[in-house]
Amino acid sequence: MLAFIVDNIATIAVCLILAGIAGAIIARMVIDRKKGVSSCGCGCSSCPMSSACHQKK
């Protein structure tokens, strides 16, 4: 088992870094969604689907 880890340490490190980046992106999207921030970064006043994305509470 240790030999496998030593032989593939670079691949394992890259996979862990990519998984961390993907997790951070997903976490940021969840936080933004809870705050009501739009994913496109622009105002939703002209968007025809704004009522579906931002339902009134």
N, C-alpha and C. Protein backbone atom coordinates (compact mmCIF):
# COMPACT_ATOMS: atom_id res chain seq x y z
N MET A 1 0.82 -1.19 0.00
CA MET A 1 0.00 0.00 0.00
C MET A 1 0.87 1.26 0.00
N LEU A 2 1.90 1.27 0.80
CA LEU A 2 2.79 2.42 0.86
C LEU A 2 3.52 2.62 -0.46
N ALA A 3 3.87 1.53 -1.12
CA ALA A 3 4.54 1.63 -2.41
C ALA A 3 3.62 2.28 -3.45
N PHE A 4 2.35 1.93 -3.41
CA PHE A 4 1.38 2.54 -4.33
C PHE A 4 1.29 4.04 -4.11
N ILE A 5 1.23 4.46 -2.86
CA ILE A 5 1.14 5.88 -2.53
C ILE A 5 2.39 6.62 -2.98
N VAL A 6 3.54 6.04 -2.72
CA VAL A 6 4.81 6.67 -3.12
C VAL A 6 4.91 6.78 -4.64
N ASP A 7 4.49 5.74 -5.35
CA ASP A 7 4.57 5.76 -6.81
C ASP A 7 3.60 6.76 -7.43
N ASN A 8 2.49 7.03 -6.77
CA ASN A 8 1.45 7.88 -7.34
C ASN A 8 1.21 9.16 -6.55
N ILE A 9 2.20 9.64 -5.81
CA ILE A 9 2.01 10.80 -4.95
C ILE A 9 1.64 12.05 -5.75
N ALA A 10 2.22 12.23 -6.93
CA ALA A 10 1.90 13.41 -7.74
C ALA A 10 0.45 13.38 -8.21
N THR A 11 0.00 12.23 -8.65
CA THR A 11 -1.38 12.09 -9.10
C THR A 11 -2.35 12.30 -7.95
N ILE A 12 -2.04 11.74 -6.81
CA ILE A 12 -2.89 11.90 -5.63
C ILE A 12 -2.95 13.36 -5.21
N ALA A 13 -1.81 14.05 -5.23
CA ALA A 13 -1.77 15.46 -4.85
C ALA A 13 -2.60 16.31 -5.80
N VAL A 14 -2.48 16.08 -7.10
CA VAL A 14 -3.25 16.84 -8.08
C VAL A 14 -4.74 16.58 -7.89
N CYS A 15 -5.12 15.34 -7.67
CA CYS A 15 -6.53 15.01 -7.46
C CYS A 15 -7.08 15.69 -6.20
N LEU A 16 -6.30 15.71 -5.14
CA LEU A 16 -6.74 16.37 -3.91
C LEU A 16 -6.88 17.88 -4.10
N ILE A 17 -5.96 18.48 -4.83
CA ILE A 17 -6.04 19.92 -5.10
C ILE A 17 -7.28 20.23 -5.94
N LEU A 18 -7.51 19.44 -6.99
CA LEU A 18 -8.68 19.66 -7.83
C LEU A 18 -9.98 19.44 -7.06
N ALA A 19 -10.02 18.44 -6.19
CA ALA A 19 -11.21 18.20 -5.38
C ALA A 19 -11.44 19.36 -4.42
N GLY A 20 -10.37 19.92 -3.87
CA GLY A 20 -10.50 21.08 -2.99
C GLY A 20 -11.03 22.30 -3.73
N ILE A 21 -10.53 22.53 -4.94
CA ILE A 21 -11.01 23.65 -5.74
C ILE A 21 -12.48 23.47 -6.10
N ALA A 22 -12.86 22.26 -6.52
CA ALA A 22 -14.26 22.00 -6.85
C ALA A 22 -15.15 22.18 -5.62
N GLY A 23 -14.70 21.71 -4.47
CA GLY A 23 -15.46 21.89 -3.24
C GLY A 23 -15.63 23.35 -2.87
N ALA A 24 -14.58 24.15 -3.06
CA ALA A 24 -14.66 25.58 -2.77
C ALA A 24 -15.62 26.28 -3.71
N ILE A 25 -15.62 25.90 -4.97
CA ILE A 25 -16.54 26.50 -5.94
C ILE A 25 -17.98 26.16 -5.58
N ILE A 26 -18.24 24.91 -5.24
CA ILE A 26 -19.59 24.51 -4.87
C ILE A 26 -20.03 25.20 -3.60
N ALA A 27 -19.14 25.29 -2.61
CA ALA A 27 -19.48 25.97 -1.36
C ALA A 27 -19.80 27.44 -1.61
N ARG A 28 -19.03 28.09 -2.47
CA ARG A 28 -19.27 29.50 -2.79
C ARG A 28 -20.61 29.68 -3.49
N MET A 29 -20.95 28.76 -4.37
CA MET A 29 -22.23 28.83 -5.07
C MET A 29 -23.39 28.68 -4.10
N VAL A 30 -23.25 27.78 -3.13
CA VAL A 30 -24.30 27.57 -2.13
C VAL A 30 -24.45 28.82 -1.26
N ILE A 31 -23.34 29.40 -0.84
CA ILE A 31 -23.39 30.61 -0.01
C ILE A 31 -24.03 31.75 -0.79
N ASP A 32 -23.63 31.93 -2.05
CA ASP A 32 -24.22 32.99 -2.86
C ASP A 32 -25.70 32.76 -3.08
N ARG A 33 -26.09 31.53 -3.28
CA ARG A 33 -27.51 31.21 -3.50
C ARG A 33 -28.33 31.53 -2.25
N LYS A 34 -27.80 31.23 -1.07
CA LYS A 34 -28.50 31.54 0.17
C LYS A 34 -28.62 33.05 0.39
N LYS A 35 -27.62 33.81 -0.08
CA LYS A 35 -27.66 35.27 0.03
C LYS A 35 -28.56 35.90 -1.03
N GLY A 36 -28.94 35.14 -2.04
CA GLY A 36 -29.76 35.66 -3.11
C GLY A 36 -28.97 36.33 -4.21
N VAL A 37 -27.67 36.07 -4.26
CA VAL A 37 -26.82 36.67 -5.27
C VAL A 37 -26.98 35.90 -6.58
N SER A 38 -27.09 36.63 -7.67
CA SER A 38 -27.25 36.01 -8.98
C SER A 38 -25.93 35.39 -9.43
N SER A 39 -26.00 34.31 -10.15
CA SER A 39 -24.80 33.65 -10.64
C SER A 39 -24.20 34.35 -11.84
N CYS A 40 -25.00 35.13 -12.56
CA CYS A 40 -24.48 35.79 -13.76
C CYS A 40 -23.81 37.12 -13.43
N GLY A 41 -24.08 37.68 -12.27
CA GLY A 41 -23.43 38.92 -11.87
C GLY A 41 -24.12 40.18 -12.35
N CYS A 42 -25.18 40.04 -13.11
CA CYS A 42 -25.90 41.24 -13.58
C CYS A 42 -27.26 41.29 -12.91
N GLY A 43 -27.95 42.38 -13.10
CA GLY A 43 -29.27 42.53 -12.50
C GLY A 43 -30.29 41.62 -13.15
N CYS A 44 -31.30 41.26 -12.40
CA CYS A 44 -32.32 40.34 -12.91
C CYS A 44 -33.58 41.08 -13.36
N SER A 45 -33.55 42.41 -13.39
CA SER A 45 -34.75 43.16 -13.72
C SER A 45 -35.20 42.91 -15.16
N SER A 46 -34.29 42.65 -16.07
CA SER A 46 -34.66 42.43 -17.46
C SER A 46 -34.77 40.95 -17.83
N CYS A 47 -34.52 40.09 -16.88
CA CYS A 47 -34.55 38.65 -17.16
C CYS A 47 -35.98 38.13 -17.09
N PRO A 48 -36.44 37.40 -18.11
CA PRO A 48 -37.81 36.89 -18.09
C PRO A 48 -38.02 35.77 -17.05
N MET A 49 -36.94 35.16 -16.58
CA MET A 49 -37.07 34.07 -15.61
C MET A 49 -36.75 34.52 -14.19
N SER A 50 -36.72 35.82 -13.94
CA SER A 50 -36.33 36.31 -12.61
C SER A 50 -37.30 35.85 -11.53
N SER A 51 -38.56 35.68 -11.87
CA SER A 51 -39.52 35.23 -10.85
C SER A 51 -39.28 33.77 -10.48
N ALA A 52 -38.70 32.98 -11.36
CA ALA A 52 -38.43 31.58 -11.06
C ALA A 52 -37.17 31.44 -10.20
N CYS A 53 -36.20 32.32 -10.40
CA CYS A 53 -34.95 32.24 -9.65
C CYS A 53 -35.08 32.85 -8.26
N HIS A 54 -35.72 33.99 -8.18
CA HIS A 54 -35.79 34.74 -6.93
C HIS A 54 -37.25 34.88 -6.50
N GLN A 55 -37.76 33.82 -5.92
CA GLN A 55 -39.14 33.85 -5.46
C GLN A 55 -39.25 34.73 -4.23
N LYS A 56 -40.35 35.45 -4.14
CA LYS A 56 -40.56 36.33 -3.00
C LYS A 56 -40.82 35.50 -1.76
N LYS A 57 -40.22 35.94 -0.65
CA LYS A 57 -40.35 35.19 0.60
C LYS A 57 -41.55 35.65 1.37
